[in-house]
Amino acid sequence: MVMIGASILSANYGHMAEEVRRAEEAKVDFFHVDIMDGHFVPNLSMGLKVPEYLQDITHGTKIDVHLMVENPDIFIPKIAEASDMVSFHAEATKFLFRTVDLIADNGAKPIVALNPSTSISNIEYVLENLYGVLIMTVEPGFSGQSFINPMLKKIDKLKNLILTEGYDTKIFVDGGINTTTAPKVVEAGADALIAASAIYGKDDVVKAVQDLRASANFKI
C-alpha cells in the first residue's frame, strides 16, 4: 500500500489540534512539515518548534520534516529528535554523506529532496544510505502549484535504479498530488505521496484522504 502524508502547509494553523485529529481519523501515515527560511525558497513557514508541538498532540502518527533551507546542518540537531524522518535538499549542501549521517546520528531517518531540475545522478552514490528520496514535482516553496509532468520520467528512472541496485530506498513525491496525479505517480514507482491542498483544502478531510488513497492504489 502506498503511504499518504498530510502536509500541514495547507492546514488551519489556528486550529492545528483539530486539523491533526481529522487527519488521524482519516488514518494518514505521517504528517509532513515544511520548514522554509526565505532564502533557499522565497517563502517563510513554520518554526523549529512545530515538530515538537506535533509530537505532543499526535497519537503515534509519524512526523516527516522537509527542510527547504540553506545550511541544513544547522537545523537538523534542533528538529531531528522530534521527527521520524528528515529531508534536506541536495542543492543546499556540498557534503551529502555528512548531512545524511547527521540526521541518522540525531535519531531520524534521512531523506534527500531533489528540485524538479536536479538530476538523480547527483545522489547516485549516497542512495543506499538513504531511507528515501523526495522527488519535488513542483518548484518548492508554495502549496497549490500544478504538477510538472516530466517528473514521472524522473520517478521511473529513480525506481529502476533502486531496483537494479537492490536498495530498499523509498520514493516520496511532493507537489500537485491529487486524485488525478496520484495514480500516475504510483505507476511510475512512488512509495509515498505528500498532499497539502488535496487534503486540507477539502471540507471533508476524511473523505479527501480516502479518495486520495483509493486513487493511489488504482492501476492505470
Protein backbone atom coordinates (compact mmCIF):
# COMPACT_ATOMS: atom_id res chain seq x y z
CA MET A 1 0.00 0.00 0.00
CA VAL A 2 1.18 3.49 -0.85
CA MET A 3 1.76 5.75 2.15
CA ILE A 4 -0.14 9.04 2.38
CA GLY A 5 1.35 12.06 4.13
CA ALA A 6 -0.72 15.08 5.12
CA SER A 7 1.21 18.31 4.62
CA ILE A 8 0.18 20.82 7.27
CA LEU A 9 1.27 23.64 4.97
CA SER A 10 -2.39 23.97 3.94
CA ALA A 11 -3.84 23.32 7.40
CA ASN A 12 -5.51 25.94 9.58
CA TYR A 13 -2.70 26.91 11.95
CA GLY A 14 -5.15 28.45 14.41
CA HIS A 15 -6.84 25.07 14.89
CA MET A 16 -3.91 22.70 14.48
CA ALA A 17 -5.03 20.20 17.11
CA GLU A 18 -8.34 19.81 15.27
CA GLU A 19 -6.57 19.55 11.91
CA VAL A 20 -4.34 16.82 13.30
CA ARG A 21 -7.34 14.99 14.76
CA ARG A 22 -9.16 15.00 11.41
CA ALA A 23 -6.15 13.66 9.54
CA GLU A 24 -5.52 10.95 12.12
CA GLU A 25 -9.17 9.95 11.90
CA ALA A 26 -8.54 9.56 8.17
CA LYS A 27 -5.57 7.31 9.02
CA VAL A 28 -2.84 9.24 7.26
CA ASP A 29 0.56 7.52 7.52
CA PHE A 30 2.50 10.61 8.51
CA PHE A 31 2.38 14.38 8.88
CA HIS A 32 4.64 16.42 6.63
CA VAL A 33 6.13 19.67 7.97
CA ASP A 34 7.73 22.19 5.61
CA ILE A 35 10.30 24.45 7.22
CA MET A 36 11.39 27.29 4.92
CA ASP A 37 13.95 30.00 5.59
CA GLY A 38 13.04 32.60 2.94
CA HIS A 39 16.45 32.11 1.28
CA PHE A 40 16.55 28.62 -0.23
CA VAL A 41 12.94 29.18 -1.27
CA PRO A 42 11.16 32.56 -1.50
CA ASN A 43 8.81 31.86 1.38
CA LEU A 44 8.75 31.55 5.17
CA SER A 45 6.85 28.89 7.04
CA MET A 46 6.69 27.20 10.41
CA GLY A 47 9.32 27.45 13.11
CA LEU A 48 11.62 24.80 14.51
CA LYS A 49 9.30 24.03 17.43
CA VAL A 50 6.49 22.73 15.20
CA PRO A 51 7.72 19.08 15.06
CA GLU A 52 7.94 19.06 18.86
CA TYR A 53 4.44 20.53 19.11
CA LEU A 54 3.05 17.95 16.69
CA GLN A 55 4.74 15.19 18.64
CA ASP A 56 2.77 16.33 21.70
CA ILE A 57 -0.64 16.44 20.01
CA THR A 58 -0.48 13.44 17.68
CA HIS A 59 -1.26 9.87 18.72
CA GLY A 60 1.70 7.99 17.32
CA THR A 61 1.45 9.20 13.72
CA LYS A 62 4.93 9.66 12.26
CA ILE A 63 6.33 13.14 11.63
CA ASP A 64 8.28 13.97 8.48
CA VAL A 65 10.15 17.30 8.33
CA HIS A 66 11.15 18.82 5.00
CA LEU A 67 13.97 21.37 5.34
CA MET A 68 13.79 23.88 2.50
CA VAL A 69 16.70 25.84 3.92
CA GLU A 70 20.26 26.85 3.27
CA ASN A 71 22.80 25.19 5.57
CA PRO A 72 20.55 22.31 6.71
CA ASP A 73 23.21 21.02 9.10
CA ILE A 74 22.43 23.96 11.40
CA PHE A 75 18.75 22.97 11.67
CA ILE A 76 18.99 19.18 11.87
CA PRO A 77 20.03 18.81 15.54
CA LYS A 78 17.20 21.15 16.53
CA ILE A 79 14.41 19.20 14.84
CA ALA A 80 15.55 15.59 14.32
CA GLU A 81 14.82 14.42 17.87
CA ALA A 82 11.12 15.27 17.46
CA SER A 83 10.95 13.85 13.91
CA ASP A 84 10.79 10.36 12.47
CA MET A 85 12.07 11.44 9.05
CA VAL A 86 14.05 14.49 7.95
CA SER A 87 14.61 15.54 4.36
CA PHE A 88 17.04 18.14 3.10
CA HIS A 89 17.80 19.36 -0.40
CA ALA A 90 20.77 18.03 -2.32
CA GLU A 91 21.09 21.55 -3.77
CA ALA A 92 21.59 23.02 -0.27
CA THR A 93 24.79 21.20 0.72
CA LYS A 94 28.12 20.20 -0.77
CA PHE A 95 28.54 17.33 1.68
CA LEU A 96 25.68 14.88 1.19
CA PHE A 97 27.18 12.00 3.17
CA ARG A 98 27.92 14.21 6.17
CA THR A 99 24.40 15.63 6.27
CA VAL A 100 22.85 12.17 5.88
CA ASP A 101 24.96 10.89 8.78
CA LEU A 102 23.99 13.92 10.88
CA ILE A 103 20.30 13.09 10.50
CA ALA A 104 20.85 9.44 11.42
CA ASP A 105 23.09 10.34 14.35
CA ASN A 106 20.28 12.53 15.72
CA GLY A 107 17.76 9.71 15.60
CA ALA A 108 15.78 10.33 12.39
CA LYS A 109 15.62 8.61 9.01
CA PRO A 110 17.44 10.56 6.26
CA ILE A 111 15.72 11.61 3.05
CA VAL A 112 17.27 13.70 0.27
CA ALA A 113 14.98 16.02 -1.68
CA LEU A 114 15.51 16.95 -5.32
CA ASN A 115 14.18 20.04 -7.08
CA PRO A 116 12.49 19.34 -10.43
CA SER A 117 15.55 20.34 -12.48
CA THR A 118 18.06 18.38 -10.36
CA SER A 119 19.23 15.09 -11.84
CA ILE A 120 19.13 11.89 -9.80
CA SER A 121 22.78 11.39 -10.77
CA ASN A 122 23.57 13.90 -8.02
CA ILE A 123 22.55 11.39 -5.35
CA GLU A 124 23.52 8.11 -7.03
CA TYR A 125 26.41 7.34 -4.69
CA VAL A 126 24.56 8.19 -1.47
CA LEU A 127 21.38 6.38 -2.46
CA GLU A 128 21.99 3.20 -0.46
CA ASN A 129 22.49 5.28 2.71
CA LEU A 130 19.05 6.91 2.44
CA TYR A 131 15.70 5.93 3.87
CA GLY A 132 14.12 7.80 0.99
CA VAL A 133 14.35 10.29 -1.86
CA LEU A 134 11.82 13.11 -2.05
CA ILE A 135 11.04 14.00 -5.65
CA MET A 136 9.62 17.51 -5.92
CA THR A 137 7.02 17.60 -8.68
CA VAL A 138 6.55 21.38 -8.34
CA GLU A 139 9.05 24.12 -7.64
CA PRO A 140 9.42 24.09 -3.85
CA GLY A 141 8.08 26.81 -1.60
CA PHE A 142 4.34 27.15 -2.18
CA SER A 143 1.28 24.92 -1.94
CA GLY A 144 -1.30 24.62 -4.73
CA GLN A 145 1.01 24.51 -7.76
CA SER A 146 0.38 22.38 -10.83
CA PHE A 147 2.14 19.03 -11.21
CA ILE A 148 5.18 19.04 -13.55
CA ASN A 149 4.53 16.07 -15.83
CA PRO A 150 8.13 15.28 -16.89
CA MET A 151 8.78 14.29 -13.26
CA LEU A 152 7.03 11.00 -13.99
CA LYS A 153 10.05 10.01 -16.09
CA LYS A 154 12.33 11.03 -13.23
CA ILE A 155 10.42 8.87 -10.74
CA ASP A 156 10.51 5.93 -13.13
CA LYS A 157 14.25 6.33 -13.69
CA LEU A 158 14.92 6.50 -9.96
CA LYS A 159 12.77 3.43 -9.29
CA ASN A 160 14.66 1.44 -11.90
CA LEU A 161 17.99 2.46 -10.35
CA ILE A 162 16.82 1.44 -6.87
CA LEU A 163 15.58 -1.93 -8.10
CA THR A 164 18.69 -2.58 -10.20
CA GLU A 165 21.00 -1.89 -7.26
CA GLY A 166 18.82 -3.82 -4.83
CA TYR A 167 18.33 -0.93 -2.42
CA ASP A 168 15.40 -0.53 -0.04
CA THR A 169 15.23 3.24 -0.57
CA LYS A 170 11.70 4.64 -0.76
CA ILE A 171 10.45 7.27 -3.20
CA PHE A 172 8.42 10.13 -1.74
CA VAL A 173 6.65 12.57 -4.06
CA ASP A 174 5.52 16.07 -3.14
CA GLY A 175 3.77 18.69 -5.26
CA GLY A 176 0.49 18.82 -7.14
CA ILE A 177 -0.64 15.49 -5.72
CA ASN A 178 -4.37 14.87 -6.09
CA THR A 179 -6.71 12.09 -7.24
CA THR A 180 -5.72 12.73 -10.87
CA THR A 181 -1.94 12.73 -10.46
CA ALA A 182 -1.68 10.12 -7.68
CA PRO A 183 -2.23 7.01 -9.84
CA LYS A 184 0.28 8.25 -12.42
CA VAL A 185 2.91 8.86 -9.75
CA VAL A 186 2.36 5.46 -8.17
CA GLU A 187 2.50 3.77 -11.57
CA ALA A 188 5.89 5.46 -12.10
CA GLY A 189 7.20 3.98 -8.85
CA ALA A 190 6.33 6.20 -5.87
CA ASP A 191 6.03 4.65 -2.41
CA ALA A 192 4.67 7.68 -0.54
CA LEU A 193 2.58 10.67 -1.59
CA ILE A 194 2.51 14.02 0.20
CA ALA A 195 -0.58 16.17 -0.25
CA ALA A 196 -1.46 19.57 1.15
CA SER A 197 -4.44 21.26 -0.54
CA ALA A 198 -5.79 17.90 -1.77
CA ILE A 199 -6.36 17.05 1.90
CA TYR A 200 -6.67 20.27 3.88
CA GLY A 201 -8.25 22.18 1.01
CA LYS A 202 -11.33 19.95 1.27
CA ASP A 203 -14.24 20.33 3.68
CA ASP A 204 -14.25 16.62 4.49
CA VAL A 205 -10.66 15.64 5.32
CA VAL A 206 -11.52 12.00 5.99
CA LYS A 207 -13.16 11.59 2.59
CA ALA A 208 -10.32 13.50 0.92
CA VAL A 209 -7.74 11.07 2.30
CA GLN A 210 -9.89 8.07 1.44
CA ASP A 211 -10.34 9.31 -2.14
CA LEU A 212 -6.62 10.02 -2.48
CA ARG A 213 -5.67 6.59 -1.14
CA ALA A 214 -8.16 4.89 -3.44
CA SER A 215 -6.81 6.74 -6.46
CA ALA A 216 -3.20 5.98 -5.47
CA ASN A 217 -3.91 2.25 -5.42
CA PHE A 218 -5.83 2.30 -8.69
CA LYS A 219 -3.94 0.64 -11.54
CA ILE A 220 -3.90 2.76 -14.69
